[in-house]
Amino acid sequence: MNFILSCIKGIAIGAGAILPGISSGVLCVIFGIYEKLLDSVLNFFKDVKNNMKFLLPILIGTSIGIIVFGNLLRFLFNNFTTRNNVLFYRNNYRRNSNFN
């Protein structure tokens, strides 16, 4: 169960890496894994077995999140260009319009 929960957290972190306006680091802090993640990466070779048990599900989930949400964004930008441009670049439209 812990493996699946860590994969789900990794998926959210991967989504934060690819989606605009969402920070992966903030998601790590919210999930309460930021310090342990840094410690596991920085001291990886001191305790390889435990660090791999912690990092592997997060890395799997992050990879899944980046692939899934990257493809989702590509689909949305290709098929709904105007709506996405207004959503993500709204301030540019306001500045350049005559309706201010």
PDB file of N, CA and C in Angstrom:
ATOM      1  N   MET A   1       0.820  -1.192   0.000  1.00  0.00           N
ATOM      2  CA  MET A   1       0.000   0.000   0.000  1.00  0.00           C
ATOM      3  C   MET A   1       0.868   1.262   0.000  1.00  0.00           C
ATOM      4  N   ASN A   2       1.968   1.218   0.738  1.00  0.00           N
ATOM      5  CA  ASN A   2       2.874   2.366   0.794  1.00  0.00           C
ATOM      6  C   ASN A   2       3.507   2.629  -0.567  1.00  0.00           C
ATOM      7  N   PHE A   3       3.798   1.562  -1.320  1.00  0.00           N
ATOM      8  CA  PHE A   3       4.369   1.696  -2.657  1.00  0.00           C
ATOM      9  C   PHE A   3       3.392   2.417  -3.584  1.00  0.00           C
ATOM     10  N   ILE A   4       2.126   2.025  -3.538  1.00  0.00           N
ATOM     11  CA  ILE A   4       1.104   2.639  -4.390  1.00  0.00           C
ATOM     12  C   ILE A   4       0.898   4.099  -4.004  1.00  0.00           C
ATOM     13  N   LEU A   5       0.855   4.390  -2.724  1.00  0.00           N
ATOM     14  CA  LEU A   5       0.694   5.769  -2.264  1.00  0.00           C
ATOM     15  C   LEU A   5       1.871   6.635  -2.694  1.00  0.00           C
ATOM     16  N   SER A   6       3.075   6.101  -2.623  1.00  0.00           N
ATOM     17  CA  SER A   6       4.251   6.845  -3.076  1.00  0.00           C
ATOM     18  C   SER A   6       4.218   7.056  -4.584  1.00  0.00           C
ATOM     19  N   CYS A   7       3.720   6.078  -5.339  1.00  0.00           N
ATOM     20  CA  CYS A   7       3.578   6.256  -6.796  1.00  0.00           C
ATOM     21  C   CYS A   7       2.566   7.350  -7.106  1.00  0.00           C
ATOM     22  N   ILE A   8       1.472   7.400  -6.367  1.00  0.00           N
ATOM     23  CA  ILE A   8       0.463   8.439  -6.583  1.00  0.00           C
ATOM     24  C   ILE A   8       1.042   9.819  -6.269  1.00  0.00           C
ATOM     25  N   LYS A   9       1.810   9.913  -5.203  1.00  0.00           N
ATOM     26  CA  LYS A   9       2.486  11.178  -4.897  1.00  0.00           C
ATOM     27  C   LYS A   9       3.453  11.545  -6.018  1.00  0.00           C
ATOM     28  N   GLY A  10       4.146  10.560  -6.549  1.00  0.00           N
ATOM     29  CA  GLY A  10       5.061  10.795  -7.665  1.00  0.00           C
ATOM     30  C   GLY A  10       4.339  11.275  -8.911  1.00  0.00           C
ATOM     31  N   ILE A  11       3.157  10.732  -9.178  1.00  0.00           N
ATOM     32  CA  ILE A  11       2.374  11.182 -10.325  1.00  0.00           C
ATOM     33  C   ILE A  11       2.005  12.652 -10.162  1.00  0.00           C
ATOM     34  N   ALA A  12       1.595  13.036  -8.964  1.00  0.00           N
ATOM     35  CA  ALA A  12       1.261  14.446  -8.708  1.00  0.00           C
ATOM     36  C   ALA A  12       2.496  15.328  -8.863  1.00  0.00           C
ATOM     37  N   ILE A  13       3.644  14.861  -8.410  1.00  0.00           N
ATOM     38  CA  ILE A  13       4.890  15.626  -8.545  1.00  0.00           C
ATOM     39  C   ILE A  13       5.262  15.751 -10.023  1.00  0.00           C
ATOM     40  N   GLY A  14       5.091  14.686 -10.794  1.00  0.00           N
ATOM     41  CA  GLY A  14       5.342  14.749 -12.233  1.00  0.00           C
ATOM     42  C   GLY A  14       4.399  15.706 -12.930  1.00  0.00           C
ATOM     43  N   ALA A  15       3.138  15.708 -12.508  1.00  0.00           N
ATOM     44  CA  ALA A  15       2.180  16.657 -13.071  1.00  0.00           C
ATOM     45  C   ALA A  15       2.594  18.087 -12.739  1.00  0.00           C
ATOM     46  N   GLY A  16       3.102  18.292 -11.532  1.00  0.00           N
ATOM     47  CA  GLY A  16       3.583  19.620 -11.143  1.00  0.00           C
ATOM     48  C   GLY A  16       4.780  20.053 -11.954  1.00  0.00           C
ATOM     49  N   ALA A  17       5.558  19.102 -12.404  1.00  0.00           N
ATOM     50  CA  ALA A  17       6.730  19.438 -13.217  1.00  0.00           C
ATOM     51  C   ALA A  17       6.331  19.881 -14.615  1.00  0.00           C
ATOM     52  N   ILE A  18       5.224  19.375 -15.128  1.00  0.00           N
ATOM     53  CA  ILE A  18       4.852  19.635 -16.515  1.00  0.00           C
ATOM     54  C   ILE A  18       3.759  20.694 -16.650  1.00  0.00           C
ATOM     55  N   LEU A  19       2.880  20.825 -15.673  1.00  0.00           N
ATOM     56  CA  LEU A  19       1.778  21.778 -15.774  1.00  0.00           C
ATOM     57  C   LEU A  19       2.225  23.177 -15.352  1.00  0.00           C
ATOM     58  N   PRO A  20       1.822  24.195 -16.096  1.00  0.00           N
ATOM     59  CA  PRO A  20       2.216  25.559 -15.742  1.00  0.00           C
ATOM     60  C   PRO A  20       1.546  26.011 -14.443  1.00  0.00           C
ATOM     61  N   GLY A  21       2.303  26.698 -13.628  1.00  0.00           N
ATOM     62  CA  GLY A  21       1.767  27.271 -12.391  1.00  0.00           C
ATOM     63  C   GLY A  21       1.794  26.347 -11.198  1.00  0.00           C
ATOM     64  N   ILE A  22       2.264  25.132 -11.365  1.00  0.00           N
ATOM     65  CA  ILE A  22       2.323  24.182 -10.250  1.00  0.00           C
ATOM     66  C   ILE A  22       3.783  23.819 -10.023  1.00  0.00           C
ATOM     67  N   SER A  23       4.226  23.873  -8.781  1.00  0.00           N
ATOM     68  CA  SER A  23       5.610  23.592  -8.457  1.00  0.00           C
ATOM     69  C   SER A  23       5.747  22.197  -7.848  1.00  0.00           C
ATOM     70  N   SER A  24       6.665  21.424  -8.382  1.00  0.00           N
ATOM     71  CA  SER A  24       6.918  20.092  -7.826  1.00  0.00           C
ATOM     72  C   SER A  24       7.472  20.172  -6.416  1.00  0.00           C
ATOM     73  N   GLY A  25       8.318  21.165  -6.160  1.00  0.00           N
ATOM     74  CA  GLY A  25       8.883  21.324  -4.823  1.00  0.00           C
ATOM     75  C   GLY A  25       7.822  21.624  -3.782  1.00  0.00           C
ATOM     76  N   VAL A  26       6.861  22.453  -4.138  1.00  0.00           N
ATOM     77  CA  VAL A  26       5.768  22.766  -3.211  1.00  0.00           C
ATOM     78  C   VAL A  26       4.931  21.516  -2.955  1.00  0.00           C
ATOM     79  N   LEU A  27       4.700  20.727  -3.994  1.00  0.00           N
ATOM     80  CA  LEU A  27       3.952  19.481  -3.797  1.00  0.00           C
ATOM     81  C   LEU A  27       4.698  18.530  -2.872  1.00  0.00           C
ATOM     82  N   CYS A  28       6.022  18.477  -2.994  1.00  0.00           N
ATOM     83  CA  CYS A  28       6.819  17.633  -2.085  1.00  0.00           C
ATOM     84  C   CYS A  28       6.662  18.106  -0.642  1.00  0.00           C
ATOM     85  N   VAL A  29       6.649  19.411  -0.435  1.00  0.00           N
ATOM     86  CA  VAL A  29       6.461  19.948   0.919  1.00  0.00           C
ATOM     87  C   VAL A  29       5.068  19.605   1.422  1.00  0.00           C
ATOM     88  N   ILE A  30       4.051  19.770   0.579  1.00  0.00           N
ATOM     89  CA  ILE A  30       2.676  19.459   0.982  1.00  0.00           C
ATOM     90  C   ILE A  30       2.536  17.988   1.352  1.00  0.00           C
ATOM     91  N   PHE A  31       3.166  17.103   0.581  1.00  0.00           N
ATOM     92  CA  PHE A  31       3.096  15.665   0.865  1.00  0.00           C
ATOM     93  C   PHE A  31       3.987  15.255   2.028  1.00  0.00           C
ATOM     94  N   GLY A  32       4.838  16.158   2.495  1.00  0.00           N
ATOM     95  CA  GLY A  32       5.707  15.864   3.638  1.00  0.00           C
ATOM     96  C   GLY A  32       6.907  14.996   3.296  1.00  0.00           C
ATOM     97  N   ILE A  33       7.348  15.012   2.048  1.00  0.00           N
ATOM     98  CA  ILE A  33       8.471  14.158   1.651  1.00  0.00           C
ATOM     99  C   ILE A  33       9.686  14.964   1.204  1.00  0.00           C
ATOM    100  N   TYR A  34       9.614  16.278   1.265  1.00  0.00           N
ATOM    101  CA  TYR A  34      10.682  17.123   0.723  1.00  0.00           C
ATOM    102  C   TYR A  34      12.034  16.845   1.385  1.00  0.00           C
ATOM    103  N   GLU A  35      12.095  16.874   2.713  1.00  0.00           N
ATOM    104  CA  GLU A  35      13.368  16.680   3.417  1.00  0.00           C
ATOM    105  C   GLU A  35      13.906  15.263   3.218  1.00  0.00           C
ATOM    106  N   LYS A  36      13.026  14.280   3.294  1.00  0.00           N
ATOM    107  CA  LYS A  36      13.470  12.893   3.099  1.00  0.00           C
ATOM    108  C   LYS A  36      13.937  12.672   1.657  1.00  0.00           C
ATOM    109  N   LEU A  37      13.277  13.322   0.710  1.00  0.00           N
ATOM    110  CA  LEU A  37      13.677  13.217  -0.695  1.00  0.00           C
ATOM    111  C   LEU A  37      15.068  13.807  -0.901  1.00  0.00           C
ATOM    112  N   LEU A  38      15.299  14.991  -0.354  1.00  0.00           N
ATOM    113  CA  LEU A  38      16.626  15.602  -0.463  1.00  0.00           C
ATOM    114  C   LEU A  38      17.687  14.759   0.226  1.00  0.00           C
ATOM    115  N   ASP A  39      17.365  14.268   1.411  1.00  0.00           N
ATOM    116  CA  ASP A  39      18.318  13.443   2.149  1.00  0.00           C
ATOM    117  C   ASP A  39      18.634  12.154   1.393  1.00  0.00           C
ATOM    118  N   SER A  40      17.621  11.552   0.791  1.00  0.00           N
ATOM    119  CA  SER A  40      17.840  10.309   0.042  1.00  0.00           C
ATOM    120  C   SER A  40      18.700  10.532  -1.193  1.00  0.00           C
ATOM    121  N   VAL A  41      18.508  11.667  -1.859  1.00  0.00           N
ATOM    122  CA  VAL A  41      19.297  11.950  -3.051  1.00  0.00           C
ATOM    123  C   VAL A  41      20.727  12.335  -2.689  1.00  0.00           C
ATOM    124  N   LEU A  42      20.876  13.200  -1.686  1.00  0.00           N
ATOM    125  CA  LEU A  42      22.206  13.685  -1.311  1.00  0.00           C
ATOM    126  C   LEU A  42      23.067  12.615  -0.655  1.00  0.00           C
ATOM    127  N   ASN A  43      22.442  11.714   0.084  1.00  0.00           N
ATOM    128  CA  ASN A  43      23.182  10.654   0.777  1.00  0.00           C
ATOM    129  C   ASN A  43      22.833   9.282   0.208  1.00  0.00           C
ATOM    130  N   PHE A  44      22.707   9.228  -1.097  1.00  0.00           N
ATOM    131  CA  PHE A  44      22.231   8.006  -1.746  1.00  0.00           C
ATOM    132  C   PHE A  44      23.138   6.813  -1.461  1.00  0.00           C
ATOM    133  N   PHE A  45      24.436   6.999  -1.535  1.00  0.00           N
ATOM    134  CA  PHE A  45      25.362   5.870  -1.412  1.00  0.00           C
ATOM    135  C   PHE A  45      25.643   5.457   0.031  1.00  0.00           C
ATOM    136  N   LYS A  46      25.154   6.209   1.000  1.00  0.00           N
ATOM    137  CA  LYS A  46      25.335   5.810   2.394  1.00  0.00           C
ATOM    138  C   LYS A  46      24.407   4.662   2.780  1.00  0.00           C
ATOM    139  N   ASP A  47      23.209   4.654   2.186  1.00  0.00           N
ATOM    140  CA  ASP A  47      22.244   3.590   2.465  1.00  0.00           C
ATOM    141  C   ASP A  47      21.432   3.339   1.197  1.00  0.00           C
ATOM    142  N   VAL A  48      22.052   2.667   0.244  1.00  0.00           N
ATOM    143  CA  VAL A  48      21.474   2.506  -1.094  1.00  0.00           C
ATOM    144  C   VAL A  48      20.145   1.760  -1.037  1.00  0.00           C
ATOM    145  N   LYS A  49      20.070   0.696  -0.241  1.00  0.00           N
ATOM    146  CA  LYS A  49      18.865  -0.129  -0.217  1.00  0.00           C
ATOM    147  C   LYS A  49      17.644   0.672   0.252  1.00  0.00           C
ATOM    148  N   ASN A  50      17.748   1.346   1.386  1.00  0.00           N
ATOM    149  CA  ASN A  50      16.615   2.122   1.900  1.00  0.00           C
ATOM    150  C   ASN A  50      16.296   3.327   1.014  1.00  0.00           C
ATOM    151  N   ASN A  51      17.332   3.955   0.468  1.00  0.00           N
ATOM    152  CA  ASN A  51      17.084   5.090  -0.408  1.00  0.00           C
ATOM    153  C   ASN A  51      16.370   4.652  -1.686  1.00  0.00           C
ATOM    154  N   MET A  52      16.736   3.502  -2.228  1.00  0.00           N
ATOM    155  CA  MET A  52      16.049   2.985  -3.418  1.00  0.00           C
ATOM    156  C   MET A  52      14.603   2.614  -3.104  1.00  0.00           C
ATOM    157  N   LYS A  53      14.366   2.052  -1.923  1.00  0.00           N
ATOM    158  CA  LYS A  53      13.000   1.707  -1.527  1.00  0.00           C
ATOM    159  C   LYS A  53      12.133   2.959  -1.425  1.00  0.00           C
ATOM    160  N   PHE A  54      12.731   4.079  -1.061  1.00  0.00           N
ATOM    161  CA  PHE A  54      11.986   5.325  -0.971  1.00  0.00           C
ATOM    162  C   PHE A  54      11.866   6.016  -2.321  1.00  0.00           C
ATOM    163  N   LEU A  55      12.956   6.060  -3.083  1.00  0.00           N
ATOM    164  CA  LEU A  55      12.988   6.836  -4.322  1.00  0.00           C
ATOM    165  C   LEU A  55      12.319   6.137  -5.513  1.00  0.00           C
ATOM    166  N   LEU A  56      12.402   4.821  -5.592  1.00  0.00           N
ATOM    167  CA  LEU A  56      11.910   4.110  -6.765  1.00  0.00           C
ATOM    168  C   LEU A  56      10.429   4.363  -7.051  1.00  0.00           C
ATOM    169  N   PRO A  57       9.520   4.217  -6.069  1.00  0.00           N
ATOM    170  CA  PRO A  57       8.113   4.479  -6.399  1.00  0.00           C
ATOM    171  C   PRO A  57       7.848   5.944  -6.770  1.00  0.00           C
ATOM    172  N   ILE A  58       8.582   6.854  -6.174  1.00  0.00           N
ATOM    173  CA  ILE A  58       8.410   8.266  -6.511  1.00  0.00           C
ATOM    174  C   ILE A  58       8.902   8.524  -7.931  1.00  0.00           C
ATOM    175  N   LEU A  59      10.026   7.925  -8.305  1.00  0.00           N
ATOM    176  CA  LEU A  59      10.540   8.086  -9.664  1.00  0.00           C
ATOM    177  C   LEU A  59       9.616   7.443 -10.703  1.00  0.00           C
ATOM    178  N   ILE A  60       9.060   6.300 -10.390  1.00  0.00           N
ATOM    179  CA  ILE A  60       8.107   5.652 -11.302  1.00  0.00           C
ATOM    180  C   ILE A  60       6.880   6.541 -11.477  1.00  0.00           C
ATOM    181  N   GLY A  61       6.334   7.021 -10.363  1.00  0.00           N
ATOM    182  CA  GLY A  61       5.165   7.885 -10.418  1.00  0.00           C
ATOM    183  C   GLY A  61       5.446   9.197 -11.139  1.00  0.00           C
ATOM    184  N   THR A  62       6.616   9.781 -10.897  1.00  0.00           N
ATOM    185  CA  THR A  62       6.981  11.028 -11.566  1.00  0.00           C
ATOM    186  C   THR A  62       7.080  10.820 -13.067  1.00  0.00           C
ATOM    187  N   SER A  63       7.665   9.722 -13.483  1.00  0.00           N
ATOM    188  CA  SER A  63       7.755   9.416 -14.913  1.00  0.00           C
ATOM    189  C   SER A  63       6.374   9.254 -15.535  1.00  0.00           C
ATOM    190  N   ILE A  64       5.500   8.552 -14.852  1.00  0.00           N
ATOM    191  CA  ILE A  64       4.129   8.375 -15.344  1.00  0.00           C
ATOM    192  C   ILE A  64       3.423   9.727 -15.428  1.00  0.00           C
ATOM    193  N   GLY A  65       3.574  10.554 -14.404  1.00  0.00           N
ATOM    194  CA  GLY A  65       2.927  11.861 -14.390  1.00  0.00           C
ATOM    195  C   GLY A  65       3.404  12.759 -15.513  1.00  0.00           C
ATOM    196  N   ILE A  66       4.698  12.774 -15.761  1.00  0.00           N
ATOM    197  CA  ILE A  66       5.244  13.609 -16.834  1.00  0.00           C
ATOM    198  C   ILE A  66       4.738  13.133 -18.194  1.00  0.00           C
ATOM    199  N   ILE A  67       4.725  11.825 -18.416  1.00  0.00           N
ATOM    200  CA  ILE A  67       4.266  11.289 -19.703  1.00  0.00           C
ATOM    201  C   ILE A  67       2.778  11.548 -19.899  1.00  0.00           C
ATOM    202  N   VAL A  68       1.963  11.233 -18.894  1.00  0.00           N
ATOM    203  CA  VAL A  68       0.511  11.378 -19.027  1.00  0.00           C
ATOM    204  C   VAL A  68       0.118  12.849 -19.178  1.00  0.00           C
ATOM    205  N   PHE A  69       0.593  13.710 -18.292  1.00  0.00           N
ATOM    206  CA  PHE A  69       0.182  15.105 -18.350  1.00  0.00           C
ATOM    207  C   PHE A  69       0.844  15.855 -19.505  1.00  0.00           C
ATOM    208  N   GLY A  70       2.013  15.414 -19.935  1.00  0.00           N
ATOM    209  CA  GLY A  70       2.627  15.998 -21.125  1.00  0.00           C
ATOM    210  C   GLY A  70       1.803  15.704 -22.363  1.00  0.00           C
ATOM    211  N   ASN A  71       1.345  14.465 -22.490  1.00  0.00           N
ATOM    212  CA  ASN A  71       0.488  14.104 -23.621  1.00  0.00           C
ATOM    213  C   ASN A  71      -0.871  14.789 -23.534  1.00  0.00           C
ATOM    214  N   LEU A  72      -1.401  14.930 -22.324  1.00  0.00           N
ATOM    215  CA  LEU A  72      -2.664  15.634 -22.147  1.00  0.00           C
ATOM    216  C   LEU A  72      -2.539  17.097 -22.573  1.00  0.00           C
ATOM    217  N   LEU A  73      -1.466  17.755 -22.160  1.00  0.00           N
ATOM    218  CA  LEU A  73      -1.256  19.142 -22.570  1.00  0.00           C
ATOM    219  C   LEU A  73      -1.078  19.256 -24.073  1.00  0.00           C
ATOM    220  N   ARG A  74      -0.341  18.350 -24.673  1.00  0.00           N
ATOM    221  CA  ARG A  74      -0.162  18.372 -26.129  1.00  0.00           C
ATOM    222  C   ARG A  74      -1.506  18.232 -26.828  1.00  0.00           C
ATOM    223  N   PHE A  75      -2.326  17.304 -26.376  1.00  0.00           N
ATOM    224  CA  PHE A  75      -3.654  17.120 -26.958  1.00  0.00           C
ATOM    225  C   PHE A  75      -4.491  18.382 -26.818  1.00  0.00           C
ATOM    226  N   LEU A  76      -4.500  18.970 -25.627  1.00  0.00           N
ATOM    227  CA  LEU A  76      -5.308  20.175 -25.414  1.00  0.00           C
ATOM    228  C   LEU A  76      -4.827  21.345 -26.256  1.00  0.00           C
ATOM    229  N   PHE A  77      -3.512  21.553 -26.328  1.00  0.00           N
ATOM    230  CA  PHE A  77      -2.997  22.661 -27.125  1.00  0.00           C
ATOM    231  C   PHE A  77      -3.222  22.447 -28.624  1.00  0.00           C
ATOM    232  N   ASN A  78      -3.168  21.211 -29.082  1.00  0.00           N
ATOM    233  CA  ASN A  78      -3.389  20.944 -30.503  1.00  0.00           C
ATOM    234  C   ASN A  78      -4.856  21.039 -30.900  1.00  0.00           C
ATOM    235  N   ASN A  79      -5.764  20.655 -30.006  1.00  0.00           N
ATOM    236  CA  ASN A  79      -7.179  20.593 -30.360  1.00  0.00           C
ATOM    237  C   ASN A  79      -8.007  21.773 -29.864  1.00  0.00           C
ATOM    238  N   PHE A  80      -7.539  22.483 -28.882  1.00  0.00           N
ATOM    239  CA  PHE A  80      -8.282  23.616 -28.324  1.00  0.00           C
ATOM    240  C   PHE A  80      -7.352  24.814 -28.195  1.00  0.00           C
ATOM    241  N   THR A  81      -6.767  25.214 -29.289  1.00  0.00           N
ATOM    242  CA  THR A  81      -5.713  26.226 -29.281  1.00  0.00           C
ATOM    243  C   THR A  81      -6.183  27.558 -28.718  1.00  0.00           C
ATOM    244  N   THR A  82      -7.289  28.071 -29.209  1.00  0.00           N
ATOM    245  CA  THR A  82      -7.750  29.394 -28.783  1.00  0.00           C
ATOM    246  C   THR A  82      -8.094  29.410 -27.309  1.00  0.00           C
ATOM    247  N   ARG A  83      -8.810  28.415 -26.851  1.00  0.00           N
ATOM    248  CA  ARG A  83      -9.196  28.363 -25.429  1.00  0.00           C
ATOM    249  C   ARG A  83      -7.964  28.285 -24.520  1.00  0.00           C
ATOM    250  N   ASN A  84      -6.998  27.491 -24.908  1.00  0.00           N
ATOM    251  CA  ASN A  84      -5.791  27.376 -24.092  1.00  0.00           C
ATOM    252  C   ASN A  84      -4.958  28.639 -24.143  1.00  0.00           C
ATOM    253  N   ASN A  85      -4.891  29.285 -25.283  1.00  0.00           N
ATOM    254  CA  ASN A  85      -4.154  30.545 -25.355  1.00  0.00           C
ATOM    255  C   ASN A  85      -4.777  31.591 -24.451  1.00  0.00           C
ATOM    256  N   VAL A  86      -6.095  31.659 -24.441  1.00  0.00           N
ATOM    257  CA  VAL A  86      -6.762  32.616 -23.559  1.00  0.00           C
ATOM    258  C   VAL A  86      -6.534  32.237 -22.105  1.00  0.00           C
ATOM    259  N   LEU A  87      -6.564  30.955 -21.799  1.00  0.00           N
ATOM    260  CA  LEU A  87      -6.375  30.499 -20.419  1.00  0.00           C
ATOM    261  C   LEU A  87      -4.968  30.774 -19.916  1.00  0.00           C
ATOM    262  N   PHE A  88      -3.952  30.450 -20.711  1.00  0.00           N
ATOM    263  CA  PHE A  88      -2.571  30.572 -20.257  1.00  0.00           C
ATOM    264  C   PHE A  88      -1.945  31.917 -20.558  1.00  0.00           C
ATOM    265  N   TYR A  89      -2.444  32.614 -21.574  1.00  0.00           N
ATOM    266  CA  TYR A  89      -1.842  33.883 -21.962  1.00  0.00           C
ATOM    267  C   TYR A  89      -2.851  35.020 -21.861  1.00  0.00           C
ATOM    268  N   ARG A  90      -3.748  34.914 -20.920  1.00  0.00           N
ATOM    269  CA  ARG A  90      -4.843  35.857 -20.746  1.00  0.00           C
ATOM    270  C   ARG A  90      -4.361  37.285 -20.575  1.00  0.00           C
ATOM    271  N   ASN A  91      -3.331  37.507 -19.791  1.00  0.00           N
ATOM    272  CA  ASN A  91      -2.844  38.861 -19.536  1.00  0.00           C
ATOM    273  C   ASN A  91      -2.314  39.521 -20.803  1.00  0.00           C
ATOM    274  N   ASN A  92      -1.706  38.754 -21.686  1.00  0.00           N
ATOM    275  CA  ASN A  92      -1.234  39.313 -22.949  1.00  0.00           C
ATOM    276  C   ASN A  92      -2.396  39.770 -23.816  1.00  0.00           C
ATOM    277  N   TYR A  93      -3.508  39.021 -23.796  1.00  0.00           N
ATOM    278  CA  TYR A  93      -4.663  39.423 -24.569  1.00  0.00           C
ATOM    279  C   TYR A  93      -5.255  40.715 -24.005  1.00  0.00           C
ATOM    280  N   ARG A  94      -5.268  40.847 -22.692  1.00  0.00           N
ATOM    281  CA  ARG A  94      -5.810  42.060 -22.076  1.00  0.00           C
ATOM    282  C   ARG A  94      -4.970  43.274 -22.417  1.00  0.00           C
ATOM    283  N   ARG A  95      -3.662  43.142 -22.359  1.00  0.00           N
ATOM    284  CA  ARG A  95      -2.778  44.270 -22.636  1.00  0.00           C
ATOM    285  C   ARG A  95      -2.856  44.735 -24.079  1.00  0.00           C
ATOM    286  N   ASN A  96      -3.031  43.798 -24.991  1.00  0.00           N
ATOM    287  CA  ASN A  96      -2.981  44.119 -26.411  1.00  0.00           C
ATOM    288  C   ASN A  96      -4.360  44.382 -27.024  1.00  0.00           C
ATOM    289  N   SER A  97      -5.412  44.302 -26.226  1.00  0.00           N
ATOM    290  CA  SER A  97      -6.740  44.534 -26.793  1.00  0.00           C
ATOM    291  C   SER A  97      -7.127  45.991 -26.654  1.00  0.00           C
ATOM    292  N   ASN A  98      -8.136  46.405 -27.399  1.00  0.00           N
ATOM    293  CA  ASN A  98      -8.642  47.776 -27.353  1.00  0.00           C
ATOM    294  C   ASN A  98      -9.767  47.931 -26.347  1.00  0.00           C
ATOM    295  N   PHE A  99     -10.065  46.874 -25.583  1.00  0.00           N
ATOM    296  CA  PHE A  99     -11.185  46.900 -24.662  1.00  0.00           C
ATOM    297  C   PHE A  99     -10.768  47.151 -23.217  1.00  0.00           C
ATOM    298  N   ASN A 100      -9.586  47.657 -22.970  1.00  0.00           N
ATOM    299  CA  ASN A 100      -9.093  47.875 -21.605  1.00  0.00           C
ATOM    300  C   ASN A 100      -9.806  49.014 -20.952  1.00  0.00           C
TER     301      ASN A 100
END
